[in-house]
PDB file of all heavy atoms in Angstrom:
ATOM      1  N   THR A   1       6.898 -55.098  65.310  1.00  0.00           N
ATOM      2  CA  THR A   1       7.393 -53.674  64.875  1.00  0.00           C
ATOM      3  C   THR A   1       6.277 -52.946  64.273  1.00  0.00           C
ATOM      4  O   THR A   1       6.174 -51.675  64.420  1.00  0.00           O
ATOM      5  CB  THR A   1       8.603 -53.931  63.852  1.00  0.00           C
ATOM      6  OG1 THR A   1       9.625 -54.759  64.486  1.00  0.00           O
ATOM      7  CG2 THR A   1       9.190 -52.694  63.424  1.00  0.00           C
ATOM      8  N   SER A   2       5.415 -53.486  63.481  1.00  0.00           N
ATOM      9  CA  SER A   2       4.235 -52.817  62.924  1.00  0.00           C
ATOM     10  C   SER A   2       3.338 -52.135  64.037  1.00  0.00           C
ATOM     11  O   SER A   2       2.911 -51.065  63.875  1.00  0.00           O
ATOM     12  CB  SER A   2       3.416 -53.679  62.120  1.00  0.00           C
ATOM     13  OG  SER A   2       4.127 -54.096  60.899  1.00  0.00           O
ATOM     14  N   ALA A   3       3.275 -52.899  65.160  1.00  0.00           N
ATOM     15  CA  ALA A   3       2.424 -52.444  66.247  1.00  0.00           C
ATOM     16  C   ALA A   3       3.163 -51.210  66.925  1.00  0.00           C
ATOM     17  O   ALA A   3       2.612 -50.152  67.372  1.00  0.00           O
ATOM     18  CB  ALA A   3       2.212 -53.467  67.302  1.00  0.00           C
ATOM     19  N   LEU A   4       4.567 -51.235  66.936  1.00  0.00           N
ATOM     20  CA  LEU A   4       5.398 -50.108  67.380  1.00  0.00           C
ATOM     21  C   LEU A   4       5.143 -48.933  66.606  1.00  0.00           C
ATOM     22  O   LEU A   4       4.922 -47.785  67.050  1.00  0.00           O
ATOM     23  CB  LEU A   4       6.731 -50.513  67.458  1.00  0.00           C
ATOM     24  CG  LEU A   4       7.323 -51.189  68.599  1.00  0.00           C
ATOM     25  CD1 LEU A   4       8.890 -51.546  68.350  1.00  0.00           C
ATOM     26  CD2 LEU A   4       7.368 -50.263  69.731  1.00  0.00           C
ATOM     27  N   VAL A   5       5.166 -49.115  65.228  1.00  0.00           N
ATOM     28  CA  VAL A   5       4.976 -48.054  64.370  1.00  0.00           C
ATOM     29  C   VAL A   5       3.565 -47.262  64.647  1.00  0.00           C
ATOM     30  O   VAL A   5       3.515 -46.143  64.867  1.00  0.00           O
ATOM     31  CB  VAL A   5       4.972 -48.443  62.897  1.00  0.00           C
ATOM     32  CG1 VAL A   5       4.392 -47.346  61.904  1.00  0.00           C
ATOM     33  CG2 VAL A   5       6.367 -48.949  62.440  1.00  0.00           C
ATOM     34  N   VAL A   6       2.554 -48.140  64.754  1.00  0.00           N
ATOM     35  CA  VAL A   6       1.115 -47.633  65.051  1.00  0.00           C
ATOM     36  C   VAL A   6       1.183 -46.811  66.357  1.00  0.00           C
ATOM     37  O   VAL A   6       0.680 -45.684  66.515  1.00  0.00           O
ATOM     38  CB  VAL A   6       0.174 -48.770  65.100  1.00  0.00           C
ATOM     39  CG1 VAL A   6      -1.199 -48.132  65.612  1.00  0.00           C
ATOM     40  CG2 VAL A   6       0.000 -49.275  63.759  1.00  0.00           C
ATOM     41  N   SER A   7       1.891 -47.410  67.502  1.00  0.00           N
ATOM     42  CA  SER A   7       1.876 -46.764  68.812  1.00  0.00           C
ATOM     43  C   SER A   7       2.659 -45.482  68.715  1.00  0.00           C
ATOM     44  O   SER A   7       2.196 -44.441  69.260  1.00  0.00           O
ATOM     45  CB  SER A   7       2.529 -47.829  69.795  1.00  0.00           C
ATOM     46  OG  SER A   7       1.697 -48.838  69.893  1.00  0.00           O
ATOM     47  N   TYR A   8       3.815 -45.533  68.017  1.00  0.00           N
ATOM     48  CA  TYR A   8       4.646 -44.242  67.956  1.00  0.00           C
ATOM     49  C   TYR A   8       3.930 -43.177  67.216  1.00  0.00           C
ATOM     50  O   TYR A   8       3.905 -42.036  67.704  1.00  0.00           O
ATOM     51  CB  TYR A   8       5.977 -44.658  67.215  1.00  0.00           C
ATOM     52  CG  TYR A   8       6.817 -43.407  67.144  1.00  0.00           C
ATOM     53  CD1 TYR A   8       7.690 -43.165  68.150  1.00  0.00           C
ATOM     54  CD2 TYR A   8       6.852 -42.636  65.989  1.00  0.00           C
ATOM     55  CE1 TYR A   8       8.613 -42.052  68.166  1.00  0.00           C
ATOM     56  CE2 TYR A   8       7.721 -41.507  65.907  1.00  0.00           C
ATOM     57  CZ  TYR A   8       8.536 -41.311  67.059  1.00  0.00           C
ATOM     58  OH  TYR A   8       9.443 -40.175  66.951  1.00  0.00           O
ATOM     59  N   PHE A   9       3.326 -43.493  66.095  1.00  0.00           N
ATOM     60  CA  PHE A   9       2.655 -42.441  65.255  1.00  0.00           C
ATOM     61  C   PHE A   9       1.319 -42.004  65.643  1.00  0.00           C
ATOM     62  O   PHE A   9       0.733 -41.072  65.195  1.00  0.00           O
ATOM     63  CB  PHE A   9       2.833 -42.771  63.846  1.00  0.00           C
ATOM     64  CG  PHE A   9       4.216 -42.622  63.330  1.00  0.00           C
ATOM     65  CD1 PHE A   9       5.029 -43.801  63.162  1.00  0.00           C
ATOM     66  CD2 PHE A   9       4.753 -41.428  62.886  1.00  0.00           C
ATOM     67  CE1 PHE A   9       6.285 -43.689  62.723  1.00  0.00           C
ATOM     68  CE2 PHE A   9       6.030 -41.289  62.510  1.00  0.00           C
ATOM     69  CZ  PHE A   9       6.785 -42.473  62.416  1.00  0.00           C
ATOM     70  N   SER A  10       0.625 -42.838  66.580  1.00  0.00           N
ATOM     71  CA  SER A  10      -0.669 -42.535  67.012  1.00  0.00           C
ATOM     72  C   SER A  10      -0.760 -41.641  68.283  1.00  0.00           C
ATOM     73  O   SER A  10      -1.778 -41.103  68.575  1.00  0.00           O
ATOM     74  CB  SER A  10      -1.522 -43.759  67.176  1.00  0.00           C
ATOM     75  OG  SER A  10      -1.041 -44.520  68.173  1.00  0.00           O
ATOM     76  N   THR A  11       0.250 -41.628  68.961  1.00  0.00           N
ATOM     77  CA  THR A  11       0.387 -40.873  70.146  1.00  0.00           C
ATOM     78  C   THR A  11       0.957 -39.413  69.895  1.00  0.00           C
ATOM     79  O   THR A  11       1.779 -39.292  68.969  1.00  0.00           O
ATOM     80  CB  THR A  11       1.099 -41.495  71.269  1.00  0.00           C
ATOM     81  OG1 THR A  11       1.030 -40.725  72.483  1.00  0.00           O
ATOM     82  CG2 THR A  11       2.561 -41.638  71.024  1.00  0.00           C
ATOM     83  N   ARG A  12       0.621 -38.550  70.515  1.00  0.00           N
ATOM     84  CA  ARG A  12       1.199 -37.182  70.493  1.00  0.00           C
ATOM     85  C   ARG A  12       1.931 -36.780  71.760  1.00  0.00           C
ATOM     86  O   ARG A  12       2.403 -35.757  72.005  1.00  0.00           O
ATOM     87  CB  ARG A  12       0.242 -36.101  70.167  1.00  0.00           C
ATOM     88  CG  ARG A  12      -0.306 -36.190  68.708  1.00  0.00           C
ATOM     89  CD  ARG A  12       0.794 -35.956  67.770  1.00  0.00           C
ATOM     90  NE  ARG A  12       0.294 -36.527  66.442  1.00  0.00           N
ATOM     91  CZ  ARG A  12       0.976 -37.275  65.685  1.00  0.00           C
ATOM     92  NH1 ARG A  12       2.222 -37.654  66.008  1.00  0.00           N
ATOM     93  NH2 ARG A  12       0.545 -37.679  64.495  1.00  0.00           N
ATOM     94  N   HIS A  13       2.051 -37.864  72.645  1.00  0.00           N
ATOM     95  CA  HIS A  13       2.731 -37.732  73.929  1.00  0.00           C
ATOM     96  C   HIS A  13       4.210 -37.830  73.628  1.00  0.00           C
ATOM     97  O   HIS A  13       4.795 -38.890  73.340  1.00  0.00           O
ATOM     98  CB  HIS A  13       2.257 -38.838  74.974  1.00  0.00           C
ATOM     99  CG  HIS A  13       2.561 -38.498  76.214  1.00  0.00           C
ATOM    100  ND1 HIS A  13       3.890 -38.546  76.831  1.00  0.00           N
ATOM    101  CD2 HIS A  13       1.842 -38.117  77.357  1.00  0.00           C
ATOM    102  CE1 HIS A  13       3.943 -38.308  78.023  1.00  0.00           C
ATOM    103  NE2 HIS A  13       2.607 -38.046  78.359  1.00  0.00           N
ATOM    104  N   VAL A  14       4.949 -36.700  73.786  1.00  0.00           N
ATOM    105  CA  VAL A  14       6.279 -36.553  73.425  1.00  0.00           C
ATOM    106  C   VAL A  14       7.132 -37.581  74.235  1.00  0.00           C
ATOM    107  O   VAL A  14       8.079 -38.219  73.694  1.00  0.00           O
ATOM    108  CB  VAL A  14       6.876 -35.084  73.715  1.00  0.00           C
ATOM    109  CG1 VAL A  14       8.271 -35.069  73.489  1.00  0.00           C
ATOM    110  CG2 VAL A  14       6.080 -34.187  72.724  1.00  0.00           C
ATOM    111  N   VAL A  15       6.854 -37.742  75.515  1.00  0.00           N
ATOM    112  CA  VAL A  15       7.675 -38.679  76.326  1.00  0.00           C
ATOM    113  C   VAL A  15       7.483 -40.132  75.874  1.00  0.00           C
ATOM    114  O   VAL A  15       8.469 -40.878  75.658  1.00  0.00           O
ATOM    115  CB  VAL A  15       7.320 -38.488  77.869  1.00  0.00           C
ATOM    116  CG1 VAL A  15       8.078 -39.526  78.600  1.00  0.00           C
ATOM    117  CG2 VAL A  15       7.696 -37.134  78.355  1.00  0.00           C
ATOM    118  N   ALA A  16       6.313 -40.472  75.585  1.00  0.00           N
ATOM    119  CA  ALA A  16       5.932 -41.811  75.082  1.00  0.00           C
ATOM    120  C   ALA A  16       6.645 -42.154  73.765  1.00  0.00           C
ATOM    121  O   ALA A  16       7.280 -43.133  73.585  1.00  0.00           O
ATOM    122  CB  ALA A  16       4.432 -42.048  74.867  1.00  0.00           C
ATOM    123  N   GLN A  17       6.606 -41.087  72.772  1.00  0.00           N
ATOM    124  CA  GLN A  17       7.257 -41.306  71.559  1.00  0.00           C
ATOM    125  C   GLN A  17       8.815 -41.394  71.789  1.00  0.00           C
ATOM    126  O   GLN A  17       9.381 -42.368  71.107  1.00  0.00           O
ATOM    127  CB  GLN A  17       7.061 -39.965  70.612  1.00  0.00           C
ATOM    128  CG  GLN A  17       5.672 -40.081  70.001  1.00  0.00           C
ATOM    129  CD  GLN A  17       5.578 -38.910  68.980  1.00  0.00           C
ATOM    130  OE1 GLN A  17       6.048 -37.810  69.242  1.00  0.00           O
ATOM    131  NE2 GLN A  17       4.921 -39.190  67.876  1.00  0.00           N
ATOM    132  N   GLU A  18       9.445 -40.678  72.649  1.00  0.00           N
ATOM    133  CA  GLU A  18      10.858 -40.754  72.857  1.00  0.00           C
ATOM    134  C   GLU A  18      11.234 -42.084  73.416  1.00  0.00           C
ATOM    135  O   GLU A  18      12.225 -42.686  73.124  1.00  0.00           O
ATOM    136  CB  GLU A  18      11.331 -39.706  73.665  1.00  0.00           C
ATOM    137  CG  GLU A  18      11.360 -38.299  72.969  1.00  0.00           C
ATOM    138  CD  GLU A  18      12.200 -38.340  71.651  1.00  0.00           C
ATOM    139  OE1 GLU A  18      13.406 -38.885  71.657  1.00  0.00           O
ATOM    140  OE2 GLU A  18      11.663 -37.871  70.665  1.00  0.00           O
ATOM    141  N   MET A  19      10.294 -42.662  74.314  1.00  0.00           N
ATOM    142  CA  MET A  19      10.622 -43.922  74.891  1.00  0.00           C
ATOM    143  C   MET A  19      10.543 -45.093  73.906  1.00  0.00           C
ATOM    144  O   MET A  19      11.258 -46.027  73.838  1.00  0.00           O
ATOM    145  CB  MET A  19       9.620 -44.149  76.029  1.00  0.00           C
ATOM    146  CG  MET A  19       9.954 -43.268  77.176  1.00  0.00           C
ATOM    147  SD  MET A  19       8.565 -43.408  78.505  1.00  0.00           S
ATOM    148  CE  MET A  19       9.294 -44.581  79.534  1.00  0.00           C
ATOM    149  N   LEU A  20       9.701 -44.908  72.884  1.00  0.00           N
ATOM    150  CA  LEU A  20       9.481 -45.915  71.807  1.00  0.00           C
ATOM    151  C   LEU A  20      10.507 -45.825  70.694  1.00  0.00           C
ATOM    152  O   LEU A  20      10.762 -46.717  70.007  1.00  0.00           O
ATOM    153  CB  LEU A  20       8.035 -45.794  71.251  1.00  0.00           C
ATOM    154  CG  LEU A  20       6.927 -46.205  72.159  1.00  0.00           C
ATOM    155  CD1 LEU A  20       5.566 -45.800  71.402  1.00  0.00           C
ATOM    156  CD2 LEU A  20       7.004 -47.657  72.425  1.00  0.00           C
ATOM    157  N   ARG A  21      11.025 -44.593  70.559  1.00  0.00           N
ATOM    158  CA  ARG A  21      11.883 -44.227  69.319  1.00  0.00           C
ATOM    159  C   ARG A  21      13.004 -45.137  69.118  1.00  0.00           C
ATOM    160  O   ARG A  21      13.201 -45.706  67.978  1.00  0.00           O
ATOM    161  CB  ARG A  21      12.332 -42.683  69.451  1.00  0.00           C
ATOM    162  CG  ARG A  21      13.131 -42.296  68.183  1.00  0.00           C
ATOM    163  CD  ARG A  21      13.607 -40.774  68.416  1.00  0.00           C
ATOM    164  NE  ARG A  21      14.428 -40.459  67.345  1.00  0.00           N
ATOM    165  CZ  ARG A  21      14.001 -40.117  66.130  1.00  0.00           C
ATOM    166  NH1 ARG A  21      12.715 -40.118  65.730  1.00  0.00           N
ATOM    167  NH2 ARG A  21      14.768 -39.677  65.135  1.00  0.00           N
ATOM    168  N   GLY A  22      13.885 -45.297  70.089  1.00  0.00           N
ATOM    169  CA  GLY A  22      15.062 -46.184  69.926  1.00  0.00           C
ATOM    170  C   GLY A  22      14.754 -47.653  69.640  1.00  0.00           C
ATOM    171  O   GLY A  22      15.392 -48.220  68.707  1.00  0.00           O
ATOM    172  N   VAL A  23      13.765 -48.225  70.295  1.00  0.00           N
ATOM    173  CA  VAL A  23      13.264 -49.607  69.998  1.00  0.00           C
ATOM    174  C   VAL A  23      12.781 -49.649  68.555  1.00  0.00           C
ATOM    175  O   VAL A  23      13.072 -50.590  67.822  1.00  0.00           O
ATOM    176  CB  VAL A  23      12.332 -50.107  71.090  1.00  0.00           C
ATOM    177  CG1 VAL A  23      11.851 -51.496  70.675  1.00  0.00           C
ATOM    178  CG2 VAL A  23      13.050 -50.094  72.366  1.00  0.00           C
ATOM    179  N   LEU A  24      12.036 -48.645  68.184  1.00  0.00           N
ATOM    180  CA  LEU A  24      11.412 -48.702  66.884  1.00  0.00           C
ATOM    181  C   LEU A  24      12.516 -48.536  65.740  1.00  0.00           C
ATOM    182  O   LEU A  24      12.536 -49.404  64.832  1.00  0.00           O
ATOM    183  CB  LEU A  24      10.395 -47.472  66.676  1.00  0.00           C
ATOM    184  CG  LEU A  24       9.790 -47.492  65.207  1.00  0.00           C
ATOM    185  CD1 LEU A  24       9.098 -48.725  64.834  1.00  0.00           C
ATOM    186  CD2 LEU A  24       8.758 -46.316  65.349  1.00  0.00           C
ATOM    187  N   LEU A  25      13.457 -47.636  65.837  1.00  0.00           N
ATOM    188  CA  LEU A  25      14.409 -47.485  64.877  1.00  0.00           C
ATOM    189  C   LEU A  25      15.279 -48.783  64.748  1.00  0.00           C
ATOM    190  O   LEU A  25      15.485 -49.249  63.679  1.00  0.00           O
ATOM    191  CB  LEU A  25      15.422 -46.370  65.275  1.00  0.00           C
ATOM    192  CG  LEU A  25      14.935 -44.977  64.930  1.00  0.00           C
ATOM    193  CD1 LEU A  25      15.735 -43.862  65.708  1.00  0.00           C
ATOM    194  CD2 LEU A  25      14.787 -44.629  63.522  1.00  0.00           C
ATOM    195  N   THR A  26      15.698 -49.287  65.927  1.00  0.00           N
ATOM    196  CA  THR A  26      16.477 -50.500  66.018  1.00  0.00           C
ATOM    197  C   THR A  26      15.684 -51.692  65.346  1.00  0.00           C
ATOM    198  O   THR A  26      16.281 -52.387  64.563  1.00  0.00           O
ATOM    199  CB  THR A  26      16.914 -50.980  67.441  1.00  0.00           C
ATOM    200  OG1 THR A  26      17.471 -49.784  67.948  1.00  0.00           O
ATOM    201  CG2 THR A  26      17.653 -52.111  67.562  1.00  0.00           C
ATOM    202  N   SER A  27      14.385 -51.850  65.645  1.00  0.00           N
ATOM    203  CA  SER A  27      13.623 -52.964  65.033  1.00  0.00           C
ATOM    204  C   SER A  27      13.426 -52.753  63.557  1.00  0.00           C
ATOM    205  O   SER A  27      13.477 -53.844  62.838  1.00  0.00           O
ATOM    206  CB  SER A  27      12.254 -52.933  65.721  1.00  0.00           C
ATOM    207  OG  SER A  27      12.379 -53.171  67.119  1.00  0.00           O
ATOM    208  N   LEU A  28      13.211 -51.615  63.158  1.00  0.00           N
ATOM    209  CA  LEU A  28      13.060 -51.440  61.652  1.00  0.00           C
ATOM    210  C   LEU A  28      14.414 -51.775  60.925  1.00  0.00           C
ATOM    211  O   LEU A  28      14.366 -52.433  59.786  1.00  0.00           O
ATOM    212  CB  LEU A  28      12.777 -49.912  61.348  1.00  0.00           C
ATOM    213  CG  LEU A  28      11.294 -49.580  61.670  1.00  0.00           C
ATOM    214  CD1 LEU A  28      11.154 -48.019  61.529  1.00  0.00           C
ATOM    215  CD2 LEU A  28      10.352 -50.310  60.752  1.00  0.00           C
TER     216      LEU A  28
END
């Protein structure tokens, strides 16, 4: 989950963020 946080917040690619968002929220 920590790696997901880093991936989500280090990219500015909107599509990548949206793909990660649901898994990140659920995991947190």
